[in-house]
Amino acid sequence: MSVQHAETAGDRPLIPRPERTPGALRAACAVVAPDLLVAYDQAKDQALAEAVQHGSLKPIHAYLSHWAALIEIERHPAMAKAYHRAEYLARVATTADEARTHLATASALYRDAAKTVRPE
C-alpha cells in the first residue's frame, strides 16, 4: 500500500472520524486514501458474501472494524506516513529480524488505531 497524502496537516486529522458504516467509511476512504477504494469495495463484497454463506454478521463486523482502523490511520498524516514506511521497510528488509521489527511497528500503529475506533 503506497498512499500519498496531498496535504499535510501535521498530527491533526485530515477529516473528521467517519461513522462506522459502509457508506461513511467508503466516503472517508475516497478522501484520505483514494488508491485503496478498489480494495475497500472488494473487502466489502467479500464480507457480505461470507456473511450470507455462513449466516453470520461476524464477517461484516470484522470488515467494518478493519477498515475503520485503516481509515483512522489514514486520517492522520504523521501516523499514515509511519505506518506505510514500516510496511515498506518490512517488505524490503534483508533479514527476518529486520522485517519483524518493522512489522511490529506497523502492527502497533494498527492496534492503536483499532483501539481508538472500537465500538463501545
PDB file of N, CA and C in Angstrom:
ATOM      1  N   MET A   1       0.833  -1.175   0.000  1.00  0.00           N
ATOM      2  CA  MET A   1       0.000   0.000   0.000  1.00  0.00           C
ATOM      3  C   MET A   1       0.875   1.235   0.000  1.00  0.00           C
ATOM      4  N   SER A   2       0.870   1.970  -1.051  1.00  0.00           N
ATOM      5  CA  SER A   2       1.626   3.210  -1.064  1.00  0.00           C
ATOM      6  C   SER A   2       0.655   4.344  -1.322  1.00  0.00           C
ATOM      7  N   VAL A   3       0.306   5.038  -0.272  1.00  0.00           N
ATOM      8  CA  VAL A   3      -0.666   6.112  -0.361  1.00  0.00           C
ATOM      9  C   VAL A   3       0.034   7.425  -0.063  1.00  0.00           C
ATOM     10  N   GLN A   4      -0.194   8.418  -0.872  1.00  0.00           N
ATOM     11  CA  GLN A   4       0.378   9.735  -0.655  1.00  0.00           C
ATOM     12  C   GLN A   4      -0.739  10.688  -0.241  1.00  0.00           C
ATOM     13  N   HIS A   5      -0.511  11.471   0.774  1.00  0.00           N
ATOM     14  CA  HIS A   5      -1.475  12.472   1.193  1.00  0.00           C
ATOM     15  C   HIS A   5      -1.164  13.778   0.481  1.00  0.00           C
ATOM     16  N   ALA A   6      -2.178  14.322  -0.178  1.00  0.00           N
ATOM     17  CA  ALA A   6      -1.989  15.532  -0.963  1.00  0.00           C
ATOM     18  C   ALA A   6      -1.669  16.729  -0.071  1.00  0.00           C
ATOM     19  N   GLU A   7      -2.269  16.767   1.120  1.00  0.00           N
ATOM     20  CA  GLU A   7      -1.999  17.883   2.013  1.00  0.00           C
ATOM     21  C   GLU A   7      -1.524  17.337   3.347  1.00  0.00           C
ATOM     22  N   THR A   8      -0.679  18.078   3.985  1.00  0.00           N
ATOM     23  CA  THR A   8      -0.161  17.647   5.265  1.00  0.00           C
ATOM     24  C   THR A   8      -0.740  18.542   6.343  1.00  0.00           C
ATOM     25  N   ALA A   9      -1.299  17.922   7.351  1.00  0.00           N
ATOM     26  CA  ALA A   9      -1.888  18.671   8.449  1.00  0.00           C
ATOM     27  C   ALA A   9      -1.152  18.387   9.747  1.00  0.00           C
ATOM     28  N   GLY A  10       0.090  17.919   9.650  1.00  0.00           N
ATOM     29  CA  GLY A  10       0.832  17.572  10.859  1.00  0.00           C
ATOM     30  C   GLY A  10       0.176  16.400  11.551  1.00  0.00           C
ATOM     31  N   ASP A  11      -0.125  16.569  12.818  1.00  0.00           N
ATOM     32  CA  ASP A  11      -0.782  15.498  13.563  1.00  0.00           C
ATOM     33  C   ASP A  11      -2.297  15.643  13.578  1.00  0.00           C
ATOM     34  N   ARG A  12      -2.798  16.725  13.045  1.00  0.00           N
ATOM     35  CA  ARG A  12      -4.252  16.917  13.011  1.00  0.00           C
ATOM     36  C   ARG A  12      -4.871  15.990  11.970  1.00  0.00           C
ATOM     37  N   PRO A  13      -6.079  15.484  12.248  1.00  0.00           N
ATOM     38  CA  PRO A  13      -6.739  14.644  11.246  1.00  0.00           C
ATOM     39  C   PRO A  13      -7.138  15.463  10.016  1.00  0.00           C
ATOM     40  N   LEU A  14      -7.045  14.804   8.861  1.00  0.00           N
ATOM     41  CA  LEU A  14      -7.422  15.468   7.611  1.00  0.00           C
ATOM     42  C   LEU A  14      -8.926  15.671   7.512  1.00  0.00           C
ATOM     43  N   ILE A  15      -9.673  14.730   8.085  1.00  0.00           N
ATOM     44  CA  ILE A  15     -11.137  14.777   8.051  1.00  0.00           C
ATOM     45  C   ILE A  15     -11.651  14.329   9.417  1.00  0.00           C
ATOM     46  N   PRO A  16     -12.913  14.623   9.737  1.00  0.00           N
ATOM     47  CA  PRO A  16     -13.486  14.096  10.981  1.00  0.00           C
ATOM     48  C   PRO A  16     -13.577  12.569  10.916  1.00  0.00           C
ATOM     49  N   ARG A  17     -13.581  11.938  12.068  1.00  0.00           N
ATOM     50  CA  ARG A  17     -13.706  10.479  12.110  1.00  0.00           C
ATOM     51  C   ARG A  17     -15.081  10.096  11.553  1.00  0.00           C
ATOM     52  N   PRO A  18     -15.106   9.206  10.567  1.00  0.00           N
ATOM     53  CA  PRO A  18     -16.395   8.811   9.978  1.00  0.00           C
ATOM     54  C   PRO A  18     -17.154   7.849  10.894  1.00  0.00           C
ATOM     55  N   GLU A  19     -18.450   7.777  10.675  1.00  0.00           N
ATOM     56  CA  GLU A  19     -19.246   6.771  11.368  1.00  0.00           C
ATOM     57  C   GLU A  19     -18.766   5.399  10.901  1.00  0.00           C
ATOM     58  N   ARG A  20     -19.057   4.398  11.677  1.00  0.00           N
ATOM     59  CA  ARG A  20     -18.622   3.021  11.362  1.00  0.00           C
ATOM     60  C   ARG A  20     -19.690   2.327  10.514  1.00  0.00           C
ATOM     61  N   THR A  21     -19.954   2.914   9.361  1.00  0.00           N
ATOM     62  CA  THR A  21     -20.910   2.340   8.410  1.00  0.00           C
ATOM     63  C   THR A  21     -20.200   2.193   7.061  1.00  0.00           C
ATOM     64  N   PRO A  22     -20.661   1.268   6.230  1.00  0.00           N
ATOM     65  CA  PRO A  22     -20.003   1.086   4.928  1.00  0.00           C
ATOM     66  C   PRO A  22     -19.935   2.374   4.097  1.00  0.00           C
ATOM     67  N   GLY A  23     -21.022   3.107   4.040  1.00  0.00           N
ATOM     68  CA  GLY A  23     -21.042   4.327   3.237  1.00  0.00           C
ATOM     69  C   GLY A  23     -20.114   5.404   3.766  1.00  0.00           C
ATOM     70  N   ALA A  24     -20.135   5.602   5.071  1.00  0.00           N
ATOM     71  CA  ALA A  24     -19.286   6.634   5.675  1.00  0.00           C
ATOM     72  C   ALA A  24     -17.809   6.273   5.552  1.00  0.00           C
ATOM     73  N   LEU A  25     -17.469   5.004   5.769  1.00  0.00           N
ATOM     74  CA  LEU A  25     -16.072   4.586   5.643  1.00  0.00           C
ATOM     75  C   LEU A  25     -15.597   4.704   4.196  1.00  0.00           C
ATOM     76  N   ARG A  26     -16.467   4.360   3.243  1.00  0.00           N
ATOM     77  CA  ARG A  26     -16.077   4.470   1.835  1.00  0.00           C
ATOM     78  C   ARG A  26     -15.856   5.928   1.446  1.00  0.00           C
ATOM     79  N   ALA A  27     -16.746   6.804   1.908  1.00  0.00           N
ATOM     80  CA  ALA A  27     -16.599   8.234   1.602  1.00  0.00           C
ATOM     81  C   ALA A  27     -15.301   8.770   2.200  1.00  0.00           C
ATOM     82  N   ALA A  28     -14.974   8.362   3.407  1.00  0.00           N
ATOM     83  CA  ALA A  28     -13.719   8.794   4.040  1.00  0.00           C
ATOM     84  C   ALA A  28     -12.520   8.245   3.278  1.00  0.00           C
ATOM     85  N   CYS A  29     -12.605   6.993   2.861  1.00  0.00           N
ATOM     86  CA  CYS A  29     -11.530   6.370   2.096  1.00  0.00           C
ATOM     87  C   CYS A  29     -11.289   7.144   0.796  1.00  0.00           C
ATOM     88  N   ALA A  30     -12.361   7.575   0.158  1.00  0.00           N
ATOM     89  CA  ALA A  30     -12.241   8.326  -1.097  1.00  0.00           C
ATOM     90  C   ALA A  30     -11.461   9.623  -0.907  1.00  0.00           C
ATOM     91  N   VAL A  31     -11.514  10.180   0.290  1.00  0.00           N
ATOM     92  CA  VAL A  31     -10.819  11.435   0.568  1.00  0.00           C
ATOM     93  C   VAL A  31      -9.379  11.189   1.017  1.00  0.00           C
ATOM     94  N   VAL A  32      -9.188  10.295   2.004  1.00  0.00           N
ATOM     95  CA  VAL A  32      -7.856  10.151   2.607  1.00  0.00           C
ATOM     96  C   VAL A  32      -6.982   9.085   1.952  1.00  0.00           C
ATOM     97  N   ALA A  33      -7.594   8.144   1.236  1.00  0.00           N
ATOM     98  CA  ALA A  33      -6.820   7.067   0.604  1.00  0.00           C
ATOM     99  C   ALA A  33      -7.524   6.558  -0.647  1.00  0.00           C
ATOM    100  N   PRO A  34      -7.690   7.424  -1.638  1.00  0.00           N
ATOM    101  CA  PRO A  34      -8.443   7.018  -2.835  1.00  0.00           C
ATOM    102  C   PRO A  34      -7.845   5.806  -3.551  1.00  0.00           C
ATOM    103  N   ASP A  35      -6.529   5.585  -3.406  1.00  0.00           N
ATOM    104  CA  ASP A  35      -5.900   4.424  -4.034  1.00  0.00           C
ATOM    105  C   ASP A  35      -6.392   3.110  -3.425  1.00  0.00           C
ATOM    106  N   LEU A  36      -7.026   3.187  -2.267  1.00  0.00           N
ATOM    107  CA  LEU A  36      -7.499   1.972  -1.596  1.00  0.00           C
ATOM    108  C   LEU A  36      -8.970   1.664  -1.862  1.00  0.00           C
ATOM    109  N   LEU A  37      -9.643   2.477  -2.667  1.00  0.00           N
ATOM    110  CA  LEU A  37     -11.080   2.268  -2.900  1.00  0.00           C
ATOM    111  C   LEU A  37     -11.397   0.901  -3.500  1.00  0.00           C
ATOM    112  N   VAL A  38     -10.601   0.452  -4.432  1.00  0.00           N
ATOM    113  CA  VAL A  38     -10.854  -0.858  -5.044  1.00  0.00           C
ATOM    114  C   VAL A  38     -10.748  -1.951  -3.984  1.00  0.00           C
ATOM    115  N   ALA A  39      -9.714  -1.883  -3.151  1.00  0.00           N
ATOM    116  CA  ALA A  39      -9.553  -2.872  -2.075  1.00  0.00           C
ATOM    117  C   ALA A  39     -10.700  -2.777  -1.080  1.00  0.00           C
ATOM    118  N   TYR A  40     -11.153  -1.556  -0.792  1.00  0.00           N
ATOM    119  CA  TYR A  40     -12.280  -1.361   0.119  1.00  0.00           C
ATOM    120  C   TYR A  40     -13.526  -2.059  -0.437  1.00  0.00           C
ATOM    121  N   ASP A  41     -13.837  -1.790  -1.700  1.00  0.00           N
ATOM    122  CA  ASP A  41     -15.027  -2.391  -2.315  1.00  0.00           C
ATOM    123  C   ASP A  41     -14.930  -3.916  -2.359  1.00  0.00           C
ATOM    124  N   GLN A  42     -13.752  -4.430  -2.657  1.00  0.00           N
ATOM    125  CA  GLN A  42     -13.565  -5.887  -2.680  1.00  0.00           C
ATOM    126  C   GLN A  42     -13.759  -6.482  -1.283  1.00  0.00           C
ATOM    127  N   ALA A  43     -13.245  -5.819  -0.270  1.00  0.00           N
ATOM    128  CA  ALA A  43     -13.394  -6.309   1.105  1.00  0.00           C
ATOM    129  C   ALA A  43     -14.855  -6.298   1.527  1.00  0.00           C
ATOM    130  N   LYS A  44     -15.575  -5.256   1.155  1.00  0.00           N
ATOM    131  CA  LYS A  44     -16.998  -5.181   1.491  1.00  0.00           C
ATOM    132  C   LYS A  44     -17.766  -6.307   0.805  1.00  0.00           C
ATOM    133  N   ASP A  45     -17.519  -6.508  -0.481  1.00  0.00           N
ATOM    134  CA  ASP A  45     -18.200  -7.574  -1.217  1.00  0.00           C
ATOM    135  C   ASP A  45     -17.897  -8.945  -0.632  1.00  0.00           C
ATOM    136  N   GLN A  46     -16.637  -9.167  -0.268  1.00  0.00           N
ATOM    137  CA  GLN A  46     -16.245 -10.443   0.320  1.00  0.00           C
ATOM    138  C   GLN A  46     -16.912 -10.646   1.679  1.00  0.00           C
ATOM    139  N   ALA A  47     -16.966  -9.609   2.487  1.00  0.00           N
ATOM    140  CA  ALA A  47     -17.607  -9.709   3.804  1.00  0.00           C
ATOM    141  C   ALA A  47     -19.088 -10.021   3.668  1.00  0.00           C
ATOM    142  N   LEU A  48     -19.738  -9.373   2.719  1.00  0.00           N
ATOM    143  CA  LEU A  48     -21.172  -9.651   2.504  1.00  0.00           C
ATOM    144  C   LEU A  48     -21.388 -11.081   2.035  1.00  0.00           C
ATOM    145  N   ALA A  49     -20.555 -11.538   1.118  1.00  0.00           N
ATOM    146  CA  ALA A  49     -20.687 -12.913   0.624  1.00  0.00           C
ATOM    147  C   ALA A  49     -20.460 -13.924   1.747  1.00  0.00           C
ATOM    148  N   GLU A  50     -19.458 -13.702   2.581  1.00  0.00           N
ATOM    149  CA  GLU A  50     -19.186 -14.613   3.693  1.00  0.00           C
ATOM    150  C   GLU A  50     -20.308 -14.572   4.724  1.00  0.00           C
ATOM    151  N   ALA A  51     -20.871 -13.401   4.946  1.00  0.00           N
ATOM    152  CA  ALA A  51     -21.985 -13.285   5.889  1.00  0.00           C
ATOM    153  C   ALA A  51     -23.178 -14.107   5.419  1.00  0.00           C
ATOM    154  N   VAL A  52     -23.480 -14.025   4.134  1.00  0.00           N
ATOM    155  CA  VAL A  52     -24.586 -14.807   3.573  1.00  0.00           C
ATOM    156  C   VAL A  52     -24.263 -16.297   3.635  1.00  0.00           C
ATOM    157  N   GLN A  53     -23.064 -16.651   3.223  1.00  0.00           N
ATOM    158  CA  GLN A  53     -22.654 -18.059   3.185  1.00  0.00           C
ATOM    159  C   GLN A  53     -22.721 -18.699   4.565  1.00  0.00           C
ATOM    160  N   HIS A  54     -22.275 -17.973   5.592  1.00  0.00           N
ATOM    161  CA  HIS A  54     -22.207 -18.553   6.935  1.00  0.00           C
ATOM    162  C   HIS A  54     -23.397 -18.185   7.812  1.00  0.00           C
ATOM    163  N   GLY A  55     -24.288 -17.342   7.309  1.00  0.00           N
ATOM    164  CA  GLY A  55     -25.435 -16.928   8.104  1.00  0.00           C
ATOM    165  C   GLY A  55     -25.015 -16.204   9.374  1.00  0.00           C
ATOM    166  N   SER A  56     -24.000 -15.350   9.254  1.00  0.00           N
ATOM    167  CA  SER A  56     -23.440 -14.666  10.413  1.00  0.00           C
ATOM    168  C   SER A  56     -23.046 -13.249  10.035  1.00  0.00           C
ATOM    169  N   LEU A  57     -23.179 -12.344  10.981  1.00  0.00           N
ATOM    170  CA  LEU A  57     -22.759 -10.966  10.757  1.00  0.00           C
ATOM    171  C   LEU A  57     -21.292 -10.741  11.122  1.00  0.00           C
ATOM    172  N   LYS A  58     -20.614 -11.760  11.628  1.00  0.00           N
ATOM    173  CA  LYS A  58     -19.216 -11.608  12.037  1.00  0.00           C
ATOM    174  C   LYS A  58     -18.318 -11.090  10.912  1.00  0.00           C
ATOM    175  N   PRO A  59     -18.447 -11.602   9.670  1.00  0.00           N
ATOM    176  CA  PRO A  59     -17.585 -11.069   8.603  1.00  0.00           C
ATOM    177  C   PRO A  59     -17.805  -9.571   8.346  1.00  0.00           C
ATOM    178  N   ILE A  60     -19.030  -9.111   8.498  1.00  0.00           N
ATOM    179  CA  ILE A  60     -19.326  -7.694   8.284  1.00  0.00           C
ATOM    180  C   ILE A  60     -18.725  -6.859   9.411  1.00  0.00           C
ATOM    181  N   HIS A  61     -18.866  -7.334  10.647  1.00  0.00           N
ATOM    182  CA  HIS A  61     -18.264  -6.617  11.778  1.00  0.00           C
ATOM    183  C   HIS A  61     -16.742  -6.564  11.638  1.00  0.00           C
ATOM    184  N   ALA A  62     -16.142  -7.668  11.191  1.00  0.00           N
ATOM    185  CA  ALA A  62     -14.680  -7.705  11.019  1.00  0.00           C
ATOM    186  C   ALA A  62     -14.239  -6.722   9.937  1.00  0.00           C
ATOM    187  N   TYR A  63     -14.964  -6.684   8.826  1.00  0.00           N
ATOM    188  CA  TYR A  63     -14.632  -5.751   7.732  1.00  0.00           C
ATOM    189  C   TYR A  63     -14.768  -4.306   8.201  1.00  0.00           C
ATOM    190  N   LEU A  64     -15.851  -3.995   8.921  1.00  0.00           N
ATOM    191  CA  LEU A  64     -16.045  -2.633   9.421  1.00  0.00           C
ATOM    192  C   LEU A  64     -14.935  -2.245  10.405  1.00  0.00           C
ATOM    193  N   SER A  65     -14.568  -3.163  11.280  1.00  0.00           N
ATOM    194  CA  SER A  65     -13.512  -2.888  12.254  1.00  0.00           C
ATOM    195  C   SER A  65     -12.173  -2.640  11.563  1.00  0.00           C
ATOM    196  N   HIS A  66     -11.853  -3.505  10.606  1.00  0.00           N
ATOM    197  CA  HIS A  66     -10.584  -3.371   9.887  1.00  0.00           C
ATOM    198  C   HIS A  66     -10.510  -2.047   9.134  1.00  0.00           C
ATOM    199  N   TRP A  67     -11.542  -1.727   8.395  1.00  0.00           N
ATOM    200  CA  TRP A  67     -11.492  -0.516   7.587  1.00  0.00           C
ATOM    201  C   TRP A  67     -11.620   0.738   8.438  1.00  0.00           C
ATOM    202  N   ALA A  68     -12.318   0.672   9.551  1.00  0.00           N
ATOM    203  CA  ALA A  68     -12.353   1.823  10.458  1.00  0.00           C
ATOM    204  C   ALA A  68     -10.945   2.102  10.980  1.00  0.00           C
ATOM    205  N   ALA A  69     -10.194   1.045  11.298  1.00  0.00           N
ATOM    206  CA  ALA A  69      -8.817   1.213  11.774  1.00  0.00           C
ATOM    207  C   ALA A  69      -7.927   1.782  10.668  1.00  0.00           C
ATOM    208  N   LEU A  70      -8.042   1.256   9.458  1.00  0.00           N
ATOM    209  CA  LEU A  70      -7.224   1.779   8.353  1.00  0.00           C
ATOM    210  C   LEU A  70      -7.538   3.245   8.061  1.00  0.00           C
ATOM    211  N   ILE A  71      -8.811   3.602   8.084  1.00  0.00           N
ATOM    212  CA  ILE A  71      -9.190   4.989   7.832  1.00  0.00           C
ATOM    213  C   ILE A  71      -8.687   5.877   8.968  1.00  0.00           C
ATOM    214  N   GLU A  72      -8.715   5.363  10.194  1.00  0.00           N
ATOM    215  CA  GLU A  72      -8.179   6.131  11.325  1.00  0.00           C
ATOM    216  C   GLU A  72      -6.695   6.437  11.109  1.00  0.00           C
ATOM    217  N   ILE A  73      -5.959   5.464  10.627  1.00  0.00           N
ATOM    218  CA  ILE A  73      -4.541   5.693  10.314  1.00  0.00           C
ATOM    219  C   ILE A  73      -4.410   6.750   9.218  1.00  0.00           C
ATOM    220  N   GLU A  74      -5.157   6.602   8.152  1.00  0.00           N
ATOM    221  CA  GLU A  74      -5.040   7.498   7.002  1.00  0.00           C
ATOM    222  C   GLU A  74      -5.501   8.918   7.310  1.00  0.00           C
ATOM    223  N   ARG A  75      -6.377   9.085   8.297  1.00  0.00           N
ATOM    224  CA  ARG A  75      -6.850  10.430   8.665  1.00  0.00           C
ATOM    225  C   ARG A  75      -5.729  11.280   9.240  1.00  0.00           C
ATOM    226  N   HIS A  76      -4.718  10.638   9.808  1.00  0.00           N
ATOM    227  CA  HIS A  76      -3.616  11.335  10.479  1.00  0.00           C
ATOM    228  C   HIS A  76      -2.343  11.203   9.635  1.00  0.00           C
ATOM    229  N   PRO A  77      -1.926  12.280   8.967  1.00  0.00           N
ATOM    230  CA  PRO A  77      -0.778  12.187   8.053  1.00  0.00           C
ATOM    231  C   PRO A  77       0.487  11.620   8.686  1.00  0.00           C
ATOM    232  N   ALA A  78       0.820  12.038   9.890  1.00  0.00           N
ATOM    233  CA  ALA A  78       2.051  11.536  10.515  1.00  0.00           C
ATOM    234  C   ALA A  78       1.941  10.041  10.796  1.00  0.00           C
ATOM    235  N   MET A  79       0.780   9.603  11.272  1.00  0.00           N
ATOM    236  CA  MET A  79       0.577   8.186  11.552  1.00  0.00           C
ATOM    237  C   MET A  79       0.593   7.385  10.249  1.00  0.00           C
ATOM    238  N   ALA A  80      -0.056   7.885   9.228  1.00  0.00           N
ATOM    239  CA  ALA A  80      -0.089   7.192   7.935  1.00  0.00           C
ATOM    240  C   ALA A  80       1.318   7.059   7.360  1.00  0.00           C
ATOM    241  N   LYS A  81       2.095   8.123   7.481  1.00  0.00           N
ATOM    242  CA  LYS A  81       3.472   8.090   6.968  1.00  0.00           C
ATOM    243  C   LYS A  81       4.283   7.025   7.698  1.00  0.00           C
ATOM    244  N   ALA A  82       4.177   6.989   9.020  1.00  0.00           N
ATOM    245  CA  ALA A  82       4.917   5.998   9.815  1.00  0.00           C
ATOM    246  C   ALA A  82       4.450   4.578   9.499  1.00  0.00           C
ATOM    247  N   TYR A  83       3.149   4.390   9.346  1.00  0.00           N
ATOM    248  CA  TYR A  83       2.578   3.068   9.049  1.00  0.00           C
ATOM    249  C   TYR A  83       3.058   2.557   7.690  1.00  0.00           C
ATOM    250  N   HIS A  84       2.952   3.398   6.678  1.00  0.00           N
ATOM    251  CA  HIS A  84       3.355   2.984   5.329  1.00  0.00           C
ATOM    252  C   HIS A  84       4.864   2.801   5.222  1.00  0.00           C
ATOM    253  N   ARG A  85       5.600   3.616   5.944  1.00  0.00           N
ATOM    254  CA  ARG A  85       7.055   3.459   5.959  1.00  0.00           C
ATOM    255  C   ARG A  85       7.425   2.114   6.575  1.00  0.00           C
ATOM    256  N   ALA A  86       6.794   1.776   7.691  1.00  0.00           N
ATOM    257  CA  ALA A  86       7.085   0.498   8.342  1.00  0.00           C
ATOM    258  C   ALA A  86       6.703  -0.676   7.448  1.00  0.00           C
ATOM    259  N   GLU A  87       5.559  -0.595   6.779  1.00  0.00           N
ATOM    260  CA  GLU A  87       5.164  -1.668   5.853  1.00  0.00           C
ATOM    261  C   GLU A  87       6.177  -1.809   4.723  1.00  0.00           C
ATOM    262  N   TYR A  88       6.590  -0.676   4.171  1.00  0.00           N
ATOM    263  CA  TYR A  88       7.560  -0.704   3.077  1.00  0.00           C
ATOM    264  C   TYR A  88       8.890  -1.307   3.539  1.00  0.00           C
ATOM    265  N   LEU A  89       9.382  -0.834   4.665  1.00  0.00           N
ATOM    266  CA  LEU A  89      10.661  -1.331   5.169  1.00  0.00           C
ATOM    267  C   LEU A  89      10.593  -2.822   5.492  1.00  0.00           C
ATOM    268  N   ALA A  90       9.442  -3.300   5.935  1.00  0.00           N
ATOM    269  CA  ALA A  90       9.288  -4.739   6.186  1.00  0.00           C
ATOM    270  C   ALA A  90       9.381  -5.517   4.873  1.00  0.00           C
ATOM    271  N   ARG A  91       8.792  -4.962   3.810  1.00  0.00           N
ATOM    272  CA  ARG A  91       8.831  -5.643   2.505  1.00  0.00           C
ATOM    273  C   ARG A  91      10.229  -5.698   1.919  1.00  0.00           C
ATOM    274  N   VAL A  92      11.031  -4.671   2.158  1.00  0.00           N
ATOM    275  CA  VAL A  92      12.359  -4.636   1.543  1.00  0.00           C
ATOM    276  C   VAL A  92      13.463  -5.078   2.506  1.00  0.00           C
ATOM    277  N   ALA A  93      13.087  -5.506   3.687  1.00  0.00           N
ATOM    278  CA  ALA A  93      14.077  -5.946   4.677  1.00  0.00           C
ATOM    279  C   ALA A  93      14.899  -7.100   4.114  1.00  0.00           C
ATOM    280  N   THR A  94      16.148  -7.136   4.504  1.00  0.00           N
ATOM    281  CA  THR A  94      17.043  -8.189   4.009  1.00  0.00           C
ATOM    282  C   THR A  94      17.184  -9.344   4.995  1.00  0.00           C
ATOM    283  N   THR A  95      16.666  -9.168   6.209  1.00  0.00           N
ATOM    284  CA  THR A  95      16.692 -10.265   7.183  1.00  0.00           C
ATOM    285  C   THR A  95      15.319 -10.395   7.828  1.00  0.00           C
ATOM    286  N   ALA A  96      15.065 -11.567   8.356  1.00  0.00           N
ATOM    287  CA  ALA A  96      13.785 -11.803   9.029  1.00  0.00           C
ATOM    288  C   ALA A  96      13.647 -10.919  10.266  1.00  0.00           C
ATOM    289  N   ASP A  97      14.730 -10.740  10.996  1.00  0.00           N
ATOM    290  CA  ASP A  97      14.675  -9.894  12.197  1.00  0.00           C
ATOM    291  C   ASP A  97      14.342  -8.445  11.843  1.00  0.00           C
ATOM    292  N   GLU A  98      14.942  -7.968  10.783  1.00  0.00           N
ATOM    293  CA  GLU A  98      14.663  -6.602  10.334  1.00  0.00           C
ATOM    294  C   GLU A  98      13.190  -6.473   9.925  1.00  0.00           C
ATOM    295  N   ALA A  99      12.683  -7.448   9.192  1.00  0.00           N
ATOM    296  CA  ALA A  99      11.278  -7.425   8.778  1.00  0.00           C
ATOM    297  C   ALA A  99      10.363  -7.452   9.996  1.00  0.00           C
ATOM    298  N   ARG A 100      10.684  -8.307  10.976  1.00  0.00           N
ATOM    299  CA  ARG A 100       9.870  -8.398  12.194  1.00  0.00           C
ATOM    300  C   ARG A 100       9.825  -7.075  12.941  1.00  0.00           C
ATOM    301  N   THR A 101      10.939  -6.387  12.999  1.00  0.00           N
ATOM    302  CA  THR A 101      10.996  -5.099  13.690  1.00  0.00           C
ATOM    303  C   THR A 101      10.046  -4.092  13.040  1.00  0.00           C
ATOM    304  N   HIS A 102      10.084  -4.020  11.720  1.00  0.00           N
ATOM    305  CA  HIS A 102       9.225  -3.080  11.005  1.00  0.00           C
ATOM    306  C   HIS A 102       7.756  -3.510  11.065  1.00  0.00           C
ATOM    307  N   LEU A 103       7.506  -4.802  10.990  1.00  0.00           N
ATOM    308  CA  LEU A 103       6.126  -5.285  11.110  1.00  0.00           C
ATOM    309  C   LEU A 103       5.568  -5.016  12.503  1.00  0.00           C
ATOM    310  N   ALA A 104       6.411  -5.089  13.518  1.00  0.00           N
ATOM    311  CA  ALA A 104       5.965  -4.777  14.876  1.00  0.00           C
ATOM    312  C   ALA A 104       5.551  -3.311  14.981  1.00  0.00           C
ATOM    313  N   THR A 105       6.283  -2.436  14.304  1.00  0.00           N
ATOM    314  CA  THR A 105       5.927  -1.014  14.291  1.00  0.00           C
ATOM    315  C   THR A 105       4.585  -0.808  13.609  1.00  0.00           C
ATOM    316  N   ALA A 106       4.409  -1.394  12.431  1.00  0.00           N
ATOM    317  CA  ALA A 106       3.140  -1.262  11.706  1.00  0.00           C
ATOM    318  C   ALA A 106       1.998  -1.856  12.520  1.00  0.00           C
ATOM    319  N   SER A 107       2.228  -2.998  13.149  1.00  0.00           N
ATOM    320  CA  SER A 107       1.193  -3.648  13.950  1.00  0.00           C
ATOM    321  C   SER A 107       0.780  -2.795  15.142  1.00  0.00           C
ATOM    322  N   ALA A 108       1.754  -2.169  15.787  1.00  0.00           N
ATOM    323  CA  ALA A 108       1.445  -1.320  16.940  1.00  0.00           C
ATOM    324  C   ALA A 108       0.594  -0.121  16.520  1.00  0.00           C
ATOM    325  N   LEU A 109       0.926   0.479  15.395  1.00  0.00           N
ATOM    326  CA  LEU A 109       0.133   1.602  14.895  1.00  0.00           C
ATOM    327  C   LEU A 109      -1.284   1.149  14.559  1.00  0.00           C
ATOM    328  N   TYR A 110      -1.409  -0.016  13.922  1.00  0.00           N
ATOM    329  CA  TYR A 110      -2.725  -0.539  13.570  1.00  0.00           C
ATOM    330  C   TYR A 110      -3.537  -0.836  14.839  1.00  0.00           C
ATOM    331  N   ARG A 111      -2.911  -1.487  15.816  1.00  0.00           N
ATOM    332  CA  ARG A 111      -3.621  -1.805  17.067  1.00  0.00           C
ATOM    333  C   ARG A 111      -4.100  -0.543  17.772  1.00  0.00           C
ATOM    334  N   ASP A 112      -3.258   0.487  17.808  1.00  0.00           N
ATOM    335  CA  ASP A 112      -3.662   1.748  18.434  1.00  0.00           C
ATOM    336  C   ASP A 112      -4.855   2.357  17.711  1.00  0.00           C
ATOM    337  N   ALA A 113      -4.818   2.335  16.387  1.00  0.00           N
ATOM    338  CA  ALA A 113      -5.939   2.874  15.608  1.00  0.00           C
ATOM    339  C   ALA A 113      -7.201   2.048  15.836  1.00  0.00           C
ATOM    340  N   ALA A 114      -7.057   0.727  15.857  1.00  0.00           N
ATOM    341  CA  ALA A 114      -8.216  -0.146  16.069  1.00  0.00           C
ATOM    342  C   ALA A 114      -8.825   0.092  17.446  1.00  0.00           C
ATOM    343  N   LYS A 115      -7.974   0.276  18.434  1.00  0.00           N
ATOM    344  CA  LYS A 115      -8.462   0.546  19.798  1.00  0.00           C
ATOM    345  C   LYS A 115      -9.227   1.865  19.839  1.00  0.00           C
ATOM    346  N   THR A 116      -8.738   2.857  19.117  1.00  0.00           N
ATOM    347  CA  THR A 116      -9.363   4.172  19.093  1.00  0.00           C
ATOM    348  C   THR A 116     -10.774   4.118  18.506  1.00  0.00           C
ATOM    349  N   VAL A 117     -10.984   3.293  17.497  1.00  0.00           N
ATOM    350  CA  VAL A 117     -12.286   3.272  16.811  1.00  0.00           C
ATOM    351  C   VAL A 117     -13.175   2.102  17.230  1.00  0.00           C
ATOM    352  N   ARG A 118     -12.723   1.317  18.199  1.00  0.00           N
ATOM    353  CA  ARG A 118     -13.513   0.179  18.659  1.00  0.00           C
ATOM    354  C   ARG A 118     -14.854   0.666  19.210  1.00  0.00           C
ATOM    355  N   PRO A 119     -15.943   0.036  18.779  1.00  0.00           N
ATOM    356  CA  PRO A 119     -17.260   0.451  19.320  1.00  0.00           C
ATOM    357  C   PRO A 119     -17.352   0.093  20.800  1.00  0.00           C
ATOM    358  N   GLU A 120     -18.096   0.888  21.512  1.00  0.00           N
ATOM    359  CA  GLU A 120     -18.210   0.658  22.954  1.00  0.00           C
ATOM    360  C   GLU A 120     -19.275  -0.322  23.311  1.00  0.00           C
TER     361      GLU A 120
END
